[in-house]
Amino acid sequence: MIEGKVADEDAYAARTYRDAPDVDGFLFVQTAQELMTGDFVRVRVTGADEYDLIGEIEDELAE
């Protein structure tokens, strides 16, 4: 689920279905697509750092 846009970047902060808000890290989604907070997208994880994941959109799911 998209949480919001990262300022000045083509990226969004999101979380997986297993992440708790304000507890777990983020999944940063790199895309030029316009997304809205609350959108659900399928993401392929392409990297990770200490607390967060990095990914790219695979395809959008039906809402």
PDB file of N, CA and C in Angstrom:
ATOM      1  N   MET A   1       0.845  -1.166   0.000  1.00  0.00           N
ATOM      2  CA  MET A   1       0.000   0.000   0.000  1.00  0.00           C
ATOM      3  C   MET A   1       0.896   1.237   0.000  1.00  0.00           C
ATOM      4  N   ILE A   2       0.570   2.176  -0.855  1.00  0.00           N
ATOM      5  CA  ILE A   2       1.341   3.414  -0.953  1.00  0.00           C
ATOM      6  C   ILE A   2       1.008   4.310   0.234  1.00  0.00           C
ATOM      7  N   GLU A   3       2.040   4.773   0.916  1.00  0.00           N
ATOM      8  CA  GLU A   3       1.884   5.667   2.067  1.00  0.00           C
ATOM      9  C   GLU A   3       2.015   7.135   1.670  1.00  0.00           C
ATOM     10  N   GLY A   4       2.836   7.432   0.658  1.00  0.00           N
ATOM     11  CA  GLY A   4       3.022   8.812   0.223  1.00  0.00           C
ATOM     12  C   GLY A   4       4.234   8.952  -0.671  1.00  0.00           C
ATOM     13  N   LYS A   5       4.354  10.123  -1.306  1.00  0.00           N
ATOM     14  CA  LYS A   5       5.450  10.388  -2.241  1.00  0.00           C
ATOM     15  C   LYS A   5       6.683  10.866  -1.490  1.00  0.00           C
ATOM     16  N   VAL A   6       7.841  10.454  -1.956  1.00  0.00           N
ATOM     17  CA  VAL A   6       9.111  10.938  -1.421  1.00  0.00           C
ATOM     18  C   VAL A   6       9.402  12.274  -2.104  1.00  0.00           C
ATOM     19  N   ALA A   7       9.639  13.309  -1.331  1.00  0.00           N
ATOM     20  CA  ALA A   7       9.852  14.655  -1.866  1.00  0.00           C
ATOM     21  C   ALA A   7      11.024  14.697  -2.839  1.00  0.00           C
ATOM     22  N   ASP A   8      10.825  15.370  -3.970  1.00  0.00           N
ATOM     23  CA  ASP A   8      11.862  15.623  -4.976  1.00  0.00           C
ATOM     24  C   ASP A   8      12.470  14.363  -5.597  1.00  0.00           C
ATOM     25  N   GLU A   9      11.752  13.247  -5.583  1.00  0.00           N
ATOM     26  CA  GLU A   9      12.233  12.006  -6.210  1.00  0.00           C
ATOM     27  C   GLU A   9      11.078  11.309  -6.903  1.00  0.00           C
ATOM     28  N   ASP A  10      11.388  10.443  -7.864  1.00  0.00           N
ATOM     29  CA  ASP A  10      10.379   9.600  -8.498  1.00  0.00           C
ATOM     30  C   ASP A  10      10.242   8.322  -7.692  1.00  0.00           C
ATOM     31  N   ALA A  11       9.825   8.472  -6.443  1.00  0.00           N
ATOM     32  CA  ALA A  11       9.714   7.330  -5.544  1.00  0.00           C
ATOM     33  C   ALA A  11       8.588   7.566  -4.540  1.00  0.00           C
ATOM     34  N   TYR A  12       8.072   6.459  -4.028  1.00  0.00           N
ATOM     35  CA  TYR A  12       7.001   6.500  -3.036  1.00  0.00           C
ATOM     36  C   TYR A  12       7.373   5.611  -1.866  1.00  0.00           C
ATOM     37  N   ALA A  13       6.925   6.003  -0.675  1.00  0.00           N
ATOM     38  CA  ALA A  13       7.066   5.157   0.509  1.00  0.00           C
ATOM     39  C   ALA A  13       5.821   4.287   0.574  1.00  0.00           C
ATOM     40  N   ALA A  14       6.022   3.010   0.829  1.00  0.00           N
ATOM     41  CA  ALA A  14       4.911   2.069   0.903  1.00  0.00           C
ATOM     42  C   ALA A  14       5.180   1.085   2.027  1.00  0.00           C
ATOM     43  N   ARG A  15       4.215   0.215   2.268  1.00  0.00           N
ATOM     44  CA  ARG A  15       4.437  -0.869   3.225  1.00  0.00           C
ATOM     45  C   ARG A  15       3.776  -2.126   2.708  1.00  0.00           C
ATOM     46  N   THR A  16       4.292  -3.257   3.136  1.00  0.00           N
ATOM     47  CA  THR A  16       3.723  -4.533   2.728  1.00  0.00           C
ATOM     48  C   THR A  16       2.566  -4.888   3.653  1.00  0.00           C
ATOM     49  N   TYR A  17       1.847  -5.931   3.322  1.00  0.00           N
ATOM     50  CA  TYR A  17       0.709  -6.346   4.136  1.00  0.00           C
ATOM     51  C   TYR A  17       1.132  -6.823   5.523  1.00  0.00           C
ATOM     52  N   ARG A  18       2.405  -7.087   5.703  1.00  0.00           N
ATOM     53  CA  ARG A  18       2.896  -7.570   6.994  1.00  0.00           C
ATOM     54  C   ARG A  18       3.555  -6.473   7.832  1.00  0.00           C
ATOM     55  N   ASP A  19       3.646  -5.241   7.302  1.00  0.00           N
ATOM     56  CA  ASP A  19       4.292  -4.138   8.025  1.00  0.00           C
ATOM     57  C   ASP A  19       3.274  -3.355   8.838  1.00  0.00           C
ATOM     58  N   ALA A  20       3.640  -3.043  10.059  1.00  0.00           N
ATOM     59  CA  ALA A  20       2.787  -2.227  10.923  1.00  0.00           C
ATOM     60  C   ALA A  20       3.196  -0.762  10.795  1.00  0.00           C
ATOM     61  N   PRO A  21       2.220   0.151  10.684  1.00  0.00           N
ATOM     62  CA  PRO A  21       2.547   1.578  10.621  1.00  0.00           C
ATOM     63  C   PRO A  21       3.295   2.022  11.877  1.00  0.00           C
ATOM     64  N   ASP A  22       4.252   2.898  11.715  1.00  0.00           N
ATOM     65  CA  ASP A  22       5.029   3.477  12.816  1.00  0.00           C
ATOM     66  C   ASP A  22       5.856   2.460  13.603  1.00  0.00           C
ATOM     67  N   VAL A  23       5.975   1.217  13.102  1.00  0.00           N
ATOM     68  CA  VAL A  23       6.774   0.203  13.775  1.00  0.00           C
ATOM     69  C   VAL A  23       7.845  -0.324  12.826  1.00  0.00           C
ATOM     70  N   ASP A  24       7.417  -0.786  11.654  1.00  0.00           N
ATOM     71  CA  ASP A  24       8.321  -1.388  10.685  1.00  0.00           C
ATOM     72  C   ASP A  24       8.873  -0.347   9.719  1.00  0.00           C
ATOM     73  N   GLY A  25       9.901  -0.738   8.969  1.00  0.00           N
ATOM     74  CA  GLY A  25      10.485   0.130   7.955  1.00  0.00           C
ATOM     75  C   GLY A  25       9.559   0.284   6.760  1.00  0.00           C
ATOM     76  N   PHE A  26      10.046   0.951   5.725  1.00  0.00           N
ATOM     77  CA  PHE A  26       9.262   1.198   4.523  1.00  0.00           C
ATOM     78  C   PHE A  26       9.739   0.337   3.365  1.00  0.00           C
ATOM     79  N   LEU A  27       8.907   0.242   2.370  1.00  0.00           N
ATOM     80  CA  LEU A  27       9.258  -0.294   1.070  1.00  0.00           C
ATOM     81  C   LEU A  27       9.257   0.906   0.137  1.00  0.00           C
ATOM     82  N   PHE A  28      10.429   1.299  -0.373  1.00  0.00           N
ATOM     83  CA  PHE A  28      10.519   2.448  -1.272  1.00  0.00           C
ATOM     84  C   PHE A  28      10.358   1.964  -2.705  1.00  0.00           C
ATOM     85  N   VAL A  29       9.341   2.510  -3.382  1.00  0.00           N
ATOM     86  CA  VAL A  29       8.989   2.104  -4.733  1.00  0.00           C
ATOM     87  C   VAL A  29       9.447   3.183  -5.700  1.00  0.00           C
ATOM     88  N   GLN A  30      10.323   2.830  -6.611  1.00  0.00           N
ATOM     89  CA  GLN A  30      10.836   3.780  -7.590  1.00  0.00           C
ATOM     90  C   GLN A  30      10.013   3.669  -8.866  1.00  0.00           C
ATOM     91  N   THR A  31       9.313   4.774  -9.233  1.00  0.00           N
ATOM     92  CA  THR A  31       8.479   4.789 -10.426  1.00  0.00           C
ATOM     93  C   THR A  31       8.197   6.224 -10.839  1.00  0.00           C
ATOM     94  N   ALA A  32       8.000   6.431 -12.130  1.00  0.00           N
ATOM     95  CA  ALA A  32       7.598   7.737 -12.645  1.00  0.00           C
ATOM     96  C   ALA A  32       6.075   7.837 -12.711  1.00  0.00           C
ATOM     97  N   GLN A  33       5.368   6.739 -12.428  1.00  0.00           N
ATOM     98  CA  GLN A  33       3.907   6.745 -12.430  1.00  0.00           C
ATOM     99  C   GLN A  33       3.381   7.632 -11.318  1.00  0.00           C
ATOM    100  N   GLU A  34       2.204   8.237 -11.556  1.00  0.00           N
ATOM    101  CA  GLU A  34       1.535   9.012 -10.511  1.00  0.00           C
ATOM    102  C   GLU A  34       0.720   8.051  -9.657  1.00  0.00           C
ATOM    103  N   LEU A  35       1.026   7.962  -8.383  1.00  0.00           N
ATOM    104  CA  LEU A  35       0.302   7.105  -7.452  1.00  0.00           C
ATOM    105  C   LEU A  35      -0.300   7.964  -6.351  1.00  0.00           C
ATOM    106  N   MET A  36      -1.326   7.451  -5.719  1.00  0.00           N
ATOM    107  CA  MET A  36      -2.001   8.165  -4.634  1.00  0.00           C
ATOM    108  C   MET A  36      -1.842   7.369  -3.337  1.00  0.00           C
ATOM    109  N   THR A  37      -1.855   8.060  -2.226  1.00  0.00           N
ATOM    110  CA  THR A  37      -1.847   7.395  -0.929  1.00  0.00           C
ATOM    111  C   THR A  37      -3.038   6.448  -0.864  1.00  0.00           C
ATOM    112  N   GLY A  38      -2.783   5.218  -0.459  1.00  0.00           N
ATOM    113  CA  GLY A  38      -3.834   4.214  -0.372  1.00  0.00           C
ATOM    114  C   GLY A  38      -3.898   3.286  -1.571  1.00  0.00           C
ATOM    115  N   ASP A  39      -3.200   3.624  -2.663  1.00  0.00           N
ATOM    116  CA  ASP A  39      -3.160   2.739  -3.834  1.00  0.00           C
ATOM    117  C   ASP A  39      -2.454   1.437  -3.472  1.00  0.00           C
ATOM    118  N   PHE A  40      -2.932   0.345  -4.065  1.00  0.00           N
ATOM    119  CA  PHE A  40      -2.288  -0.950  -3.922  1.00  0.00           C
ATOM    120  C   PHE A  40      -1.597  -1.283  -5.235  1.00  0.00           C
ATOM    121  N   VAL A  41      -0.320  -1.626  -5.164  1.00  0.00           N
ATOM    122  CA  VAL A  41       0.440  -2.005  -6.351  1.00  0.00           C
ATOM    123  C   VAL A  41       1.279  -3.238  -6.026  1.00  0.00           C
ATOM    124  N   ARG A  42       1.531  -4.032  -7.031  1.00  0.00           N
ATOM    125  CA  ARG A  42       2.402  -5.196  -6.867  1.00  0.00           C
ATOM    126  C   ARG A  42       3.832  -4.732  -7.124  1.00  0.00           C
ATOM    127  N   VAL A  43       4.729  -5.027  -6.203  1.00  0.00           N
ATOM    128  CA  VAL A  43       6.107  -4.537  -6.265  1.00  0.00           C
ATOM    129  C   VAL A  43       7.071  -5.714  -6.184  1.00  0.00           C
ATOM    130  N   ARG A  44       8.094  -5.676  -7.028  1.00  0.00           N
ATOM    131  CA  ARG A  44       9.183  -6.661  -6.956  1.00  0.00           C
ATOM    132  C   ARG A  44      10.309  -6.018  -6.153  1.00  0.00           C
ATOM    133  N   VAL A  45      10.716  -6.656  -5.072  1.00  0.00           N
ATOM    134  CA  VAL A  45      11.805  -6.151  -4.238  1.00  0.00           C
ATOM    135  C   VAL A  45      13.117  -6.356  -4.988  1.00  0.00           C
ATOM    136  N   THR A  46      13.874  -5.250  -5.136  1.00  0.00           N
ATOM    137  CA  THR A  46      15.134  -5.304  -5.877  1.00  0.00           C
ATOM    138  C   THR A  46      16.344  -5.011  -5.006  1.00  0.00           C
ATOM    139  N   GLY A  47      16.114  -4.593  -3.765  1.00  0.00           N
ATOM    140  CA  GLY A  47      17.231  -4.289  -2.881  1.00  0.00           C
ATOM    141  C   GLY A  47      16.747  -4.069  -1.460  1.00  0.00           C
ATOM    142  N   ALA A  48      17.697  -3.900  -0.567  1.00  0.00           N
ATOM    143  CA  ALA A  48      17.377  -3.685   0.842  1.00  0.00           C
ATOM    144  C   ALA A  48      18.519  -2.944   1.512  1.00  0.00           C
ATOM    145  N   ASP A  49      18.172  -2.204   2.554  1.00  0.00           N
ATOM    146  CA  ASP A  49      19.203  -1.663   3.428  1.00  0.00           C
ATOM    147  C   ASP A  49      18.873  -2.132   4.840  1.00  0.00           C
ATOM    148  N   GLU A  50      19.406  -1.505   5.843  1.00  0.00           N
ATOM    149  CA  GLU A  50      19.289  -2.023   7.205  1.00  0.00           C
ATOM    150  C   GLU A  50      17.845  -2.243   7.653  1.00  0.00           C
ATOM    151  N   TYR A  51      16.952  -1.284   7.392  1.00  0.00           N
ATOM    152  CA  TYR A  51      15.573  -1.383   7.869  1.00  0.00           C
ATOM    153  C   TYR A  51      14.528  -1.346   6.764  1.00  0.00           C
ATOM    154  N   ASP A  52      14.880  -0.927   5.571  1.00  0.00           N
ATOM    155  CA  ASP A  52      13.922  -0.695   4.499  1.00  0.00           C
ATOM    156  C   ASP A  52      14.188  -1.576   3.283  1.00  0.00           C
ATOM    157  N   LEU A  53      13.138  -1.741   2.476  1.00  0.00           N
ATOM    158  CA  LEU A  53      13.255  -2.461   1.217  1.00  0.00           C
ATOM    159  C   LEU A  53      13.155  -1.475   0.066  1.00  0.00           C
ATOM    160  N   ILE A  54      13.681  -1.844  -1.093  1.00  0.00           N
ATOM    161  CA  ILE A  54      13.621  -1.021  -2.303  1.00  0.00           C
ATOM    162  C   ILE A  54      13.037  -1.900  -3.394  1.00  0.00           C
ATOM    163  N   GLY A  55      12.112  -1.333  -4.192  1.00  0.00           N
ATOM    164  CA  GLY A  55      11.497  -2.145  -5.224  1.00  0.00           C
ATOM    165  C   GLY A  55      10.996  -1.316  -6.387  1.00  0.00           C
ATOM    166  N   GLU A  56      10.431  -2.027  -7.370  1.00  0.00           N
ATOM    167  CA  GLU A  56       9.844  -1.373  -8.535  1.00  0.00           C
ATOM    168  C   GLU A  56       8.508  -2.045  -8.832  1.00  0.00           C
ATOM    169  N   ILE A  57       7.609  -1.286  -9.447  1.00  0.00           N
ATOM    170  CA  ILE A  57       6.268  -1.780  -9.727  1.00  0.00           C
ATOM    171  C   ILE A  57       6.320  -2.905 -10.754  1.00  0.00           C
ATOM    172  N   GLU A  58       5.613  -3.983 -10.450  1.00  0.00           N
ATOM    173  CA  GLU A  58       5.482  -5.098 -11.376  1.00  0.00           C
ATOM    174  C   GLU A  58       4.227  -4.903 -12.215  1.00  0.00           C
ATOM    175  N   ASP A  59       3.102  -4.709 -11.573  1.00  0.00           N
ATOM    176  CA  ASP A  59       1.853  -4.345 -12.234  1.00  0.00           C
ATOM    177  C   ASP A  59       0.865  -3.891 -11.170  1.00  0.00           C
ATOM    178  N   GLU A  60      -0.117  -3.100 -11.561  1.00  0.00           N
ATOM    179  CA  GLU A  60      -1.097  -2.614 -10.600  1.00  0.00           C
ATOM    180  C   GLU A  60      -2.154  -3.672 -10.384  1.00  0.00           C
ATOM    181  N   LEU A  61      -2.613  -3.795  -9.146  1.00  0.00           N
ATOM    182  CA  LEU A  61      -3.685  -4.716  -8.810  1.00  0.00           C
ATOM    183  C   LEU A  61      -5.025  -4.012  -8.970  1.00  0.00           C
ATOM    184  N   ALA A  62      -6.057  -4.747  -9.193  1.00  0.00           N
ATOM    185  CA  ALA A  62      -7.408  -4.168  -9.275  1.00  0.00           C
ATOM    186  C   ALA A  62      -7.797  -3.629  -7.913  1.00  0.00           C
ATOM    187  N   GLU A  63      -8.452  -2.481  -7.921  1.00  0.00           N
ATOM    188  CA  GLU A  63      -8.864  -1.877  -6.654  1.00  0.00           C
ATOM    189  C   GLU A  63     -10.280  -2.263  -6.316  1.00  0.00           C
TER     190      GLU A  63
END
